[in-house]
Amino acid sequence: MPYPQSSERDQRRIIQSIRELWEGRSNAGGQFTCALNAASTVVDAANCSPASRVFVSPRHANAAAEIGAGTGYVSAVAKGQFTFTHANSSTANRLFDFEIRG
């Protein structure tokens, strides 16, 4: 999604950015995979701030099992990153999507 600067004067770029937000696009999301043999994963997320809310969604059965077992959750949110706590496991394919709001 184009990100217009505060000095942007091109009305078409400003309108395009607003239109893309209206259609549900934003730069406030991404993917991460749980670190192997670790109890948490720190995810870099430029749009994150301490007041943000982070929503995760599993993209693989192993990731869904992490949520279903109650071991996967967002445990900390900070400027530019969040921490996802999970089982200390060698299980691969624990892939999640995330979205940040606020």
PDB file of N, CA and C in Angstrom:
ATOM      1  N   MET A   1       0.841  -1.173   0.000  1.00  0.00           N
ATOM      2  CA  MET A   1       0.000   0.000   0.000  1.00  0.00           C
ATOM      3  C   MET A   1       0.884   1.233   0.000  1.00  0.00           C
ATOM      4  N   PRO A   2       0.598   2.204  -0.862  1.00  0.00           N
ATOM      5  CA  PRO A   2       1.406   3.416  -0.857  1.00  0.00           C
ATOM      6  C   PRO A   2       1.225   4.183   0.445  1.00  0.00           C
ATOM      7  N   TYR A   3       2.301   4.737   0.916  1.00  0.00           N
ATOM      8  CA  TYR A   3       2.274   5.488   2.168  1.00  0.00           C
ATOM      9  C   TYR A   3       2.609   6.939   1.857  1.00  0.00           C
ATOM     10  N   PRO A   4       1.590   7.811   1.775  1.00  0.00           N
ATOM     11  CA  PRO A   4       1.882   9.213   1.462  1.00  0.00           C
ATOM     12  C   PRO A   4       2.499   9.933   2.660  1.00  0.00           C
ATOM     13  N   GLN A   5       3.499  10.724   2.405  1.00  0.00           N
ATOM     14  CA  GLN A   5       4.126  11.536   3.442  1.00  0.00           C
ATOM     15  C   GLN A   5       3.221  12.718   3.761  1.00  0.00           C
ATOM     16  N   SER A   6       3.449  13.356   4.884  1.00  0.00           N
ATOM     17  CA  SER A   6       2.618  14.503   5.265  1.00  0.00           C
ATOM     18  C   SER A   6       2.769  15.663   4.280  1.00  0.00           C
ATOM     19  N   SER A   7       3.848  15.653   3.532  1.00  0.00           N
ATOM     20  CA  SER A   7       4.060  16.716   2.539  1.00  0.00           C
ATOM     21  C   SER A   7       3.484  16.351   1.164  1.00  0.00           C
ATOM     22  N   GLU A   8       2.810  15.199   1.056  1.00  0.00           N
ATOM     23  CA  GLU A   8       2.265  14.738  -0.229  1.00  0.00           C
ATOM     24  C   GLU A   8       1.261  15.748  -0.778  1.00  0.00           C
ATOM     25  N   ARG A   9       1.423  16.114  -2.045  1.00  0.00           N
ATOM     26  CA  ARG A   9       0.517  17.065  -2.698  1.00  0.00           C
ATOM     27  C   ARG A   9      -0.225  16.424  -3.868  1.00  0.00           C
ATOM     28  N   ASP A  10       0.168  15.205  -4.253  1.00  0.00           N
ATOM     29  CA  ASP A  10      -0.466  14.518  -5.371  1.00  0.00           C
ATOM     30  C   ASP A  10      -1.782  13.905  -4.877  1.00  0.00           C
ATOM     31  N   GLN A  11      -2.871  14.516  -5.268  1.00  0.00           N
ATOM     32  CA  GLN A  11      -4.187  14.103  -4.798  1.00  0.00           C
ATOM     33  C   GLN A  11      -4.485  12.653  -5.175  1.00  0.00           C
ATOM     34  N   ARG A  12      -4.006  12.207  -6.335  1.00  0.00           N
ATOM     35  CA  ARG A  12      -4.252  10.822  -6.745  1.00  0.00           C
ATOM     36  C   ARG A  12      -3.617   9.825  -5.783  1.00  0.00           C
ATOM     37  N   ARG A  13      -2.408  10.109  -5.296  1.00  0.00           N
ATOM     38  CA  ARG A  13      -1.748   9.208  -4.333  1.00  0.00           C
ATOM     39  C   ARG A  13      -2.501   9.178  -2.999  1.00  0.00           C
ATOM     40  N   ILE A  14      -2.983  10.329  -2.576  1.00  0.00           N
ATOM     41  CA  ILE A  14      -3.735  10.407  -1.316  1.00  0.00           C
ATOM     42  C   ILE A  14      -5.039   9.612  -1.440  1.00  0.00           C
ATOM     43  N   ILE A  15      -5.755   9.811  -2.545  1.00  0.00           N
ATOM     44  CA  ILE A  15      -7.016   9.101  -2.766  1.00  0.00           C
ATOM     45  C   ILE A  15      -6.774   7.604  -2.885  1.00  0.00           C
ATOM     46  N   GLN A  16      -5.717   7.202  -3.568  1.00  0.00           N
ATOM     47  CA  GLN A  16      -5.396   5.774  -3.709  1.00  0.00           C
ATOM     48  C   GLN A  16      -5.140   5.143  -2.344  1.00  0.00           C
ATOM     49  N   SER A  17      -4.432   5.833  -1.481  1.00  0.00           N
ATOM     50  CA  SER A  17      -4.167   5.317  -0.132  1.00  0.00           C
ATOM     51  C   SER A  17      -5.463   5.156   0.654  1.00  0.00           C
ATOM     52  N   ILE A  18      -6.325   6.142   0.583  1.00  0.00           N
ATOM     53  CA  ILE A  18      -7.614   6.063   1.284  1.00  0.00           C
ATOM     54  C   ILE A  18      -8.456   4.925   0.712  1.00  0.00           C
ATOM     55  N   ARG A  19      -8.477   4.790  -0.591  1.00  0.00           N
ATOM     56  CA  ARG A  19      -9.248   3.718  -1.232  1.00  0.00           C
ATOM     57  C   ARG A  19      -8.747   2.341  -0.792  1.00  0.00           C
ATOM     58  N   GLU A  20      -7.435   2.171  -0.721  1.00  0.00           N
ATOM     59  CA  GLU A  20      -6.888   0.882  -0.304  1.00  0.00           C
ATOM     60  C   GLU A  20      -7.217   0.575   1.152  1.00  0.00           C
ATOM     61  N   LEU A  21      -7.196   1.581   2.010  1.00  0.00           N
ATOM     62  CA  LEU A  21      -7.631   1.365   3.394  1.00  0.00           C
ATOM     63  C   LEU A  21      -9.096   0.950   3.432  1.00  0.00           C
ATOM     64  N   TRP A  22      -9.927   1.606   2.659  1.00  0.00           N
ATOM     65  CA  TRP A  22     -11.351   1.292   2.593  1.00  0.00           C
ATOM     66  C   TRP A  22     -11.569  -0.152   2.136  1.00  0.00           C
ATOM     67  N   GLU A  23     -10.726  -0.646   1.240  1.00  0.00           N
ATOM     68  CA  GLU A  23     -10.845  -2.006   0.716  1.00  0.00           C
ATOM     69  C   GLU A  23     -10.207  -3.046   1.632  1.00  0.00           C
ATOM     70  N   GLY A  24      -9.686  -2.598   2.783  1.00  0.00           N
ATOM     71  CA  GLY A  24      -9.172  -3.539   3.758  1.00  0.00           C
ATOM     72  C   GLY A  24      -7.671  -3.776   3.714  1.00  0.00           C
ATOM     73  N   ARG A  25      -6.960  -3.056   2.873  1.00  0.00           N
ATOM     74  CA  ARG A  25      -5.509  -3.228   2.801  1.00  0.00           C
ATOM     75  C   ARG A  25      -4.821  -2.317   3.822  1.00  0.00           C
ATOM     76  N   SER A  26      -3.723  -2.793   4.352  1.00  0.00           N
ATOM     77  CA  SER A  26      -2.905  -1.956   5.218  1.00  0.00           C
ATOM     78  C   SER A  26      -1.524  -2.580   5.330  1.00  0.00           C
ATOM     79  N   ASN A  27      -0.620  -1.866   5.928  1.00  0.00           N
ATOM     80  CA  ASN A  27       0.739  -2.366   6.150  1.00  0.00           C
ATOM     81  C   ASN A  27       0.908  -2.854   7.586  1.00  0.00           C
ATOM     82  N   ALA A  28      -0.199  -3.111   8.269  1.00  0.00           N
ATOM     83  CA  ALA A  28      -0.153  -3.438   9.691  1.00  0.00           C
ATOM     84  C   ALA A  28      -0.344  -4.934   9.938  1.00  0.00           C
ATOM     85  N   GLY A  29       0.316  -5.743   9.165  1.00  0.00           N
ATOM     86  CA  GLY A  29       0.188  -7.182   9.357  1.00  0.00           C
ATOM     87  C   GLY A  29       1.342  -7.919   8.718  1.00  0.00           C
ATOM     88  N   GLY A  30       1.317  -9.219   8.875  1.00  0.00           N
ATOM     89  CA  GLY A  30       2.363 -10.051   8.294  1.00  0.00           C
ATOM     90  C   GLY A  30       2.252 -11.481   8.774  1.00  0.00           C
ATOM     91  N   GLN A  31       3.366 -12.203   8.715  1.00  0.00           N
ATOM     92  CA  GLN A  31       3.425 -13.596   9.128  1.00  0.00           C
ATOM     93  C   GLN A  31       4.638 -13.826  10.009  1.00  0.00           C
ATOM     94  N   PHE A  32       4.551 -14.840  10.849  1.00  0.00           N
ATOM     95  CA  PHE A  32       5.706 -15.281  11.612  1.00  0.00           C
ATOM     96  C   PHE A  32       5.580 -16.772  11.875  1.00  0.00           C
ATOM     97  N   THR A  33       6.713 -17.391  12.129  1.00  0.00           N
ATOM     98  CA  THR A  33       6.782 -18.800  12.496  1.00  0.00           C
ATOM     99  C   THR A  33       7.354 -18.899  13.891  1.00  0.00           C
ATOM    100  N   CYS A  34       6.765 -19.725  14.726  1.00  0.00           N
ATOM    101  CA  CYS A  34       7.269 -19.918  16.081  1.00  0.00           C
ATOM    102  C   CYS A  34       8.689 -20.470  16.038  1.00  0.00           C
ATOM    103  N   ALA A  35       9.541 -19.908  16.866  1.00  0.00           N
ATOM    104  CA  ALA A  35      10.923 -20.370  16.960  1.00  0.00           C
ATOM    105  C   ALA A  35      10.953 -21.804  17.482  1.00  0.00           C
ATOM    106  N   LEU A  36      11.828 -22.604  16.916  1.00  0.00           N
ATOM    107  CA  LEU A  36      11.990 -23.983  17.363  1.00  0.00           C
ATOM    108  C   LEU A  36      12.789 -24.032  18.657  1.00  0.00           C
ATOM    109  N   ASN A  37      12.423 -24.950  19.530  1.00  0.00           N
ATOM    110  CA  ASN A  37      13.135 -25.174  20.792  1.00  0.00           C
ATOM    111  C   ASN A  37      13.280 -23.896  21.617  1.00  0.00           C
ATOM    112  N   ALA A  38      12.237 -23.107  21.628  1.00  0.00           N
ATOM    113  CA  ALA A  38      12.190 -21.872  22.420  1.00  0.00           C
ATOM    114  C   ALA A  38      10.767 -21.700  22.927  1.00  0.00           C
ATOM    115  N   ALA A  39      10.610 -20.986  24.023  1.00  0.00           N
ATOM    116  CA  ALA A  39       9.284 -20.797  24.619  1.00  0.00           C
ATOM    117  C   ALA A  39       8.596 -19.527  24.156  1.00  0.00           C
ATOM    118  N   SER A  40       9.264 -18.721  23.334  1.00  0.00           N
ATOM    119  CA  SER A  40       8.632 -17.511  22.806  1.00  0.00           C
ATOM    120  C   SER A  40       9.333 -17.081  21.527  1.00  0.00           C
ATOM    121  N   THR A  41       8.639 -16.239  20.780  1.00  0.00           N
ATOM    122  CA  THR A  41       9.168 -15.699  19.532  1.00  0.00           C
ATOM    123  C   THR A  41       8.921 -14.195  19.539  1.00  0.00           C
ATOM    124  N   VAL A  42       9.957 -13.405  19.317  1.00  0.00           N
ATOM    125  CA  VAL A  42       9.814 -11.958  19.198  1.00  0.00           C
ATOM    126  C   VAL A  42       9.622 -11.647  17.716  1.00  0.00           C
ATOM    127  N   VAL A  43       8.550 -10.933  17.408  1.00  0.00           N
ATOM    128  CA  VAL A  43       8.197 -10.610  16.023  1.00  0.00           C
ATOM    129  C   VAL A  43       8.401  -9.120  15.797  1.00  0.00           C
ATOM    130  N   ASP A  44       9.244  -8.764  14.825  1.00  0.00           N
ATOM    131  CA  ASP A  44       9.429  -7.365  14.462  1.00  0.00           C
ATOM    132  C   ASP A  44       8.205  -6.892  13.686  1.00  0.00           C
ATOM    133  N   ALA A  45       7.649  -5.772  14.106  1.00  0.00           N
ATOM    134  CA  ALA A  45       6.460  -5.217  13.468  1.00  0.00           C
ATOM    135  C   ALA A  45       6.530  -3.698  13.585  1.00  0.00           C
ATOM    136  N   ALA A  46       6.933  -3.052  12.517  1.00  0.00           N
ATOM    137  CA  ALA A  46       7.189  -1.608  12.529  1.00  0.00           C
ATOM    138  C   ALA A  46       5.997  -0.792  13.012  1.00  0.00           C
ATOM    139  N   ASN A  47       4.772  -1.238  12.743  1.00  0.00           N
ATOM    140  CA  ASN A  47       3.577  -0.469  13.117  1.00  0.00           C
ATOM    141  C   ASN A  47       3.124  -0.713  14.547  1.00  0.00           C
ATOM    142  N   CYS A  48       3.853  -1.503  15.294  1.00  0.00           N
ATOM    143  CA  CYS A  48       3.456  -1.876  16.651  1.00  0.00           C
ATOM    144  C   CYS A  48       3.869  -0.801  17.663  1.00  0.00           C
ATOM    145  N   SER A  49       2.991  -0.559  18.641  1.00  0.00           N
ATOM    146  CA  SER A  49       3.305   0.340  19.750  1.00  0.00           C
ATOM    147  C   SER A  49       2.790  -0.314  21.027  1.00  0.00           C
ATOM    148  N   PRO A  50       3.214   0.172  22.190  1.00  0.00           N
ATOM    149  CA  PRO A  50       2.753  -0.444  23.434  1.00  0.00           C
ATOM    150  C   PRO A  50       1.226  -0.471  23.593  1.00  0.00           C
ATOM    151  N   ALA A  51       0.523   0.446  22.949  1.00  0.00           N
ATOM    152  CA  ALA A  51      -0.931   0.494  23.054  1.00  0.00           C
ATOM    153  C   ALA A  51      -1.639  -0.340  21.982  1.00  0.00           C
ATOM    154  N   SER A  52      -0.888  -0.979  21.106  1.00  0.00           N
ATOM    155  CA  SER A  52      -1.477  -1.763  20.020  1.00  0.00           C
ATOM    156  C   SER A  52      -2.125  -3.043  20.519  1.00  0.00           C
ATOM    157  N   ARG A  53      -3.057  -3.521  19.731  1.00  0.00           N
ATOM    158  CA  ARG A  53      -3.640  -4.845  19.934  1.00  0.00           C
ATOM    159  C   ARG A  53      -3.162  -5.706  18.774  1.00  0.00           C
ATOM    160  N   VAL A  54      -2.683  -6.892  19.107  1.00  0.00           N
ATOM    161  CA  VAL A  54      -2.157  -7.805  18.094  1.00  0.00           C
ATOM    162  C   VAL A  54      -3.080  -9.016  18.017  1.00  0.00           C
ATOM    163  N   PHE A  55      -3.530  -9.320  16.806  1.00  0.00           N
ATOM    164  CA  PHE A  55      -4.406 -10.461  16.562  1.00  0.00           C
ATOM    165  C   PHE A  55      -3.641 -11.475  15.723  1.00  0.00           C
ATOM    166  N   VAL A  56      -3.663 -12.730  16.138  1.00  0.00           N
ATOM    167  CA  VAL A  56      -2.967 -13.783  15.406  1.00  0.00           C
ATOM    168  C   VAL A  56      -3.978 -14.806  14.894  1.00  0.00           C
ATOM    169  N   SER A  57      -3.618 -15.431  13.776  1.00  0.00           N
ATOM    170  CA  SER A  57      -4.458 -16.445  13.168  1.00  0.00           C
ATOM    171  C   SER A  57      -3.559 -17.560  12.647  1.00  0.00           C
ATOM    172  N   PRO A  58      -3.803 -18.805  13.045  1.00  0.00           N
ATOM    173  CA  PRO A  58      -2.955 -19.905  12.591  1.00  0.00           C
ATOM    174  C   PRO A  58      -3.118 -20.174  11.095  1.00  0.00           C
ATOM    175  N   ARG A  59      -1.999 -20.508  10.436  1.00  0.00           N
ATOM    176  CA  ARG A  59      -2.011 -20.819   9.005  1.00  0.00           C
ATOM    177  C   ARG A  59      -1.688 -22.287   8.738  1.00  0.00           C
ATOM    178  N   HIS A  60      -1.478 -23.057   9.773  1.00  0.00           N
ATOM    179  CA  HIS A  60      -1.101 -24.460   9.635  1.00  0.00           C
ATOM    180  C   HIS A  60      -1.699 -25.219  10.814  1.00  0.00           C
ATOM    181  N   ALA A  61      -1.930 -26.495  10.633  1.00  0.00           N
ATOM    182  CA  ALA A  61      -2.517 -27.314  11.705  1.00  0.00           C
ATOM    183  C   ALA A  61      -1.667 -27.276  12.973  1.00  0.00           C
ATOM    184  N   ASN A  62      -0.346 -27.265  12.835  1.00  0.00           N
ATOM    185  CA  ASN A  62       0.511 -27.207  14.020  1.00  0.00           C
ATOM    186  C   ASN A  62       0.349 -25.883  14.763  1.00  0.00           C
ATOM    187  N   ALA A  63       0.120 -24.817  14.025  1.00  0.00           N
ATOM    188  CA  ALA A  63      -0.122 -23.514  14.659  1.00  0.00           C
ATOM    189  C   ALA A  63      -1.483 -23.524  15.353  1.00  0.00           C
ATOM    190  N   ALA A  64      -2.475 -24.128  14.729  1.00  0.00           N
ATOM    191  CA  ALA A  64      -3.803 -24.210  15.343  1.00  0.00           C
ATOM    192  C   ALA A  64      -3.742 -25.016  16.637  1.00  0.00           C
ATOM    193  N   ALA A  65      -2.914 -26.054  16.662  1.00  0.00           N
ATOM    194  CA  ALA A  65      -2.761 -26.863  17.873  1.00  0.00           C
ATOM    195  C   ALA A  65      -2.165 -26.027  19.001  1.00  0.00           C
ATOM    196  N   GLU A  66      -1.289 -25.094  18.662  1.00  0.00           N
ATOM    197  CA  GLU A  66      -0.675 -24.195  19.646  1.00  0.00           C
ATOM    198  C   GLU A  66      -1.759 -23.361  20.340  1.00  0.00           C
ATOM    199  N   ILE A  67      -2.710 -22.869  19.562  1.00  0.00           N
ATOM    200  CA  ILE A  67      -3.810 -22.077  20.106  1.00  0.00           C
ATOM    201  C   ILE A  67      -4.763 -22.990  20.890  1.00  0.00           C
ATOM    202  N   GLY A  68      -5.098 -24.141  20.309  1.00  0.00           N
ATOM    203  CA  GLY A  68      -6.034 -25.066  20.933  1.00  0.00           C
ATOM    204  C   GLY A  68      -5.548 -25.592  22.276  1.00  0.00           C
ATOM    205  N   ALA A  69      -4.239 -25.752  22.422  1.00  0.00           N
ATOM    206  CA  ALA A  69      -3.677 -26.250  23.678  1.00  0.00           C
ATOM    207  C   ALA A  69      -3.561 -25.152  24.724  1.00  0.00           C
ATOM    208  N   GLY A  70      -3.822 -23.929  24.317  1.00  0.00           N
ATOM    209  CA  GLY A  70      -3.731 -22.817  25.259  1.00  0.00           C
ATOM    210  C   GLY A  70      -2.308 -22.366  25.531  1.00  0.00           C
ATOM    211  N   THR A  71      -1.362 -22.811  24.720  1.00  0.00           N
ATOM    212  CA  THR A  71       0.041 -22.432  24.947  1.00  0.00           C
ATOM    213  C   THR A  71       0.481 -21.265  24.085  1.00  0.00           C
ATOM    214  N   GLY A  72      -0.310 -20.878  23.095  1.00  0.00           N
ATOM    215  CA  GLY A  72       0.080 -19.788  22.209  1.00  0.00           C
ATOM    216  C   GLY A  72      -0.713 -18.524  22.465  1.00  0.00           C
ATOM    217  N   TYR A  73      -0.005 -17.431  22.785  1.00  0.00           N
ATOM    218  CA  TYR A  73      -0.675 -16.155  23.031  1.00  0.00           C
ATOM    219  C   TYR A  73       0.325 -15.009  22.915  1.00  0.00           C
ATOM    220  N   VAL A  74      -0.183 -13.814  22.681  1.00  0.00           N
ATOM    221  CA  VAL A  74       0.649 -12.607  22.648  1.00  0.00           C
ATOM    222  C   VAL A  74       0.888 -12.208  24.101  1.00  0.00           C
ATOM    223  N   SER A  75       2.146 -12.257  24.522  1.00  0.00           N
ATOM    224  CA  SER A  75       2.466 -12.009  25.928  1.00  0.00           C
ATOM    225  C   SER A  75       3.023 -10.613  26.194  1.00  0.00           C
ATOM    226  N   ALA A  76       3.482  -9.930  25.163  1.00  0.00           N
ATOM    227  CA  ALA A  76       4.026  -8.576  25.345  1.00  0.00           C
ATOM    228  C   ALA A  76       3.926  -7.814  24.032  1.00  0.00           C
ATOM    229  N   VAL A  77       3.674  -6.518  24.166  1.00  0.00           N
ATOM    230  CA  VAL A  77       3.606  -5.632  23.002  1.00  0.00           C
ATOM    231  C   VAL A  77       4.462  -4.416  23.311  1.00  0.00           C
ATOM    232  N   ALA A  78       5.331  -4.043  22.372  1.00  0.00           N
ATOM    233  CA  ALA A  78       6.244  -2.919  22.572  1.00  0.00           C
ATOM    234  C   ALA A  78       6.382  -2.143  21.273  1.00  0.00           C
ATOM    235  N   LYS A  79       7.139  -1.086  21.321  1.00  0.00           N
ATOM    236  CA  LYS A  79       7.396  -0.287  20.113  1.00  0.00           C
ATOM    237  C   LYS A  79       8.185  -1.128  19.121  1.00  0.00           C
ATOM    238  N   GLY A  80       7.601  -1.359  17.959  1.00  0.00           N
ATOM    239  CA  GLY A  80       8.280  -2.065  16.880  1.00  0.00           C
ATOM    240  C   GLY A  80       8.316  -3.575  16.981  1.00  0.00           C
ATOM    241  N   GLN A  81       7.655  -4.158  17.993  1.00  0.00           N
ATOM    242  CA  GLN A  81       7.683  -5.614  18.106  1.00  0.00           C
ATOM    243  C   GLN A  81       6.628  -6.122  19.088  1.00  0.00           C
ATOM    244  N   PHE A  82       6.367  -7.422  18.991  1.00  0.00           N
ATOM    245  CA  PHE A  82       5.544  -8.082  19.995  1.00  0.00           C
ATOM    246  C   PHE A  82       6.140  -9.463  20.250  1.00  0.00           C
ATOM    247  N   THR A  83       5.778 -10.041  21.399  1.00  0.00           N
ATOM    248  CA  THR A  83       6.271 -11.361  21.770  1.00  0.00           C
ATOM    249  C   THR A  83       5.106 -12.328  21.785  1.00  0.00           C
ATOM    250  N   PHE A  84       5.309 -13.454  21.111  1.00  0.00           N
ATOM    251  CA  PHE A  84       4.325 -14.527  21.091  1.00  0.00           C
ATOM    252  C   PHE A  84       4.891 -15.682  21.906  1.00  0.00           C
ATOM    253  N   THR A  85       4.241 -15.999  23.013  1.00  0.00           N
ATOM    254  CA  THR A  85       4.667 -17.097  23.875  1.00  0.00           C
ATOM    255  C   THR A  85       3.993 -18.382  23.393  1.00  0.00           C
ATOM    256  N   HIS A  86       4.756 -19.468  23.406  1.00  0.00           N
ATOM    257  CA  HIS A  86       4.254 -20.740  22.878  1.00  0.00           C
ATOM    258  C   HIS A  86       4.991 -21.893  23.541  1.00  0.00           C
ATOM    259  N   ALA A  87       4.611 -23.102  23.201  1.00  0.00           N
ATOM    260  CA  ALA A  87       5.262 -24.288  23.749  1.00  0.00           C
ATOM    261  C   ALA A  87       6.715 -24.353  23.281  1.00  0.00           C
ATOM    262  N   ASN A  88       7.589 -24.781  24.165  1.00  0.00           N
ATOM    263  CA  ASN A  88       9.000 -25.011  23.829  1.00  0.00           C
ATOM    264  C   ASN A  88       9.050 -26.354  23.115  1.00  0.00           C
ATOM    265  N   SER A  89       9.082 -26.318  21.790  1.00  0.00           N
ATOM    266  CA  SER A  89       8.897 -27.526  20.999  1.00  0.00           C
ATOM    267  C   SER A  89       9.788 -27.514  19.767  1.00  0.00           C
ATOM    268  N   SER A  90      10.054 -28.703  19.252  1.00  0.00           N
ATOM    269  CA  SER A  90      10.786 -28.828  17.991  1.00  0.00           C
ATOM    270  C   SER A  90       9.817 -29.041  16.832  1.00  0.00           C
ATOM    271  N   THR A  91       8.528 -28.857  17.075  1.00  0.00           N
ATOM    272  CA  THR A  91       7.507 -29.000  16.039  1.00  0.00           C
ATOM    273  C   THR A  91       7.626 -27.852  15.046  1.00  0.00           C
ATOM    274  N   ALA A  92       7.728 -28.202  13.786  1.00  0.00           N
ATOM    275  CA  ALA A  92       7.850 -27.193  12.727  1.00  0.00           C
ATOM    276  C   ALA A  92       6.458 -26.773  12.229  1.00  0.00           C
ATOM    277  N   ASN A  93       6.445 -25.868  11.307  1.00  0.00           N
ATOM    278  CA  ASN A  93       5.226 -25.411  10.634  1.00  0.00           C
ATOM    279  C   ASN A  93       4.217 -24.756  11.570  1.00  0.00           C
ATOM    280  N   ARG A  94       4.681 -24.039  12.558  1.00  0.00           N
ATOM    281  CA  ARG A  94       3.766 -23.277  13.402  1.00  0.00           C
ATOM    282  C   ARG A  94       3.738 -21.849  12.859  1.00  0.00           C
ATOM    283  N   LEU A  95       3.066 -21.696  11.722  1.00  0.00           N
ATOM    284  CA  LEU A  95       3.011 -20.440  10.977  1.00  0.00           C
ATOM    285  C   LEU A  95       1.728 -19.682  11.320  1.00  0.00           C
ATOM    286  N   PHE A  96       1.867 -18.390  11.595  1.00  0.00           N
ATOM    287  CA  PHE A  96       0.740 -17.534  11.943  1.00  0.00           C
ATOM    288  C   PHE A  96       0.739 -16.286  11.075  1.00  0.00           C
ATOM    289  N   ASP A  97      -0.468 -15.779  10.810  1.00  0.00           N
ATOM    290  CA  ASP A  97      -0.658 -14.427  10.288  1.00  0.00           C
ATOM    291  C   ASP A  97      -0.906 -13.534  11.483  1.00  0.00           C
ATOM    292  N   PHE A  98      -0.589 -12.235  11.349  1.00  0.00           N
ATOM    293  CA  PHE A  98      -0.913 -11.298  12.418  1.00  0.00           C
ATOM    294  C   PHE A  98      -1.403  -9.990  11.832  1.00  0.00           C
ATOM    295  N   GLU A  99      -2.217  -9.299  12.629  1.00  0.00           N
ATOM    296  CA  GLU A  99      -2.688  -7.963  12.285  1.00  0.00           C
ATOM    297  C   GLU A  99      -2.554  -7.099  13.530  1.00  0.00           C
ATOM    298  N   ILE A 100      -2.140  -5.872  13.341  1.00  0.00           N
ATOM    299  CA  ILE A 100      -1.955  -4.933  14.441  1.00  0.00           C
ATOM    300  C   ILE A 100      -2.953  -3.801  14.282  1.00  0.00           C
ATOM    301  N   ARG A 101      -3.598  -3.454  15.385  1.00  0.00           N
ATOM    302  CA  ARG A 101      -4.535  -2.323  15.390  1.00  0.00           C
ATOM    303  C   ARG A 101      -4.184  -1.389  16.532  1.00  0.00           C
ATOM    304  N   GLY A 102      -4.323  -0.116  16.285  1.00  0.00           N
ATOM    305  CA  GLY A 102      -4.109   0.878  17.329  1.00  0.00           C
ATOM    306  C   GLY A 102      -2.721   1.407  17.420  1.00  0.00           C
TER     307      GLY A 102
END
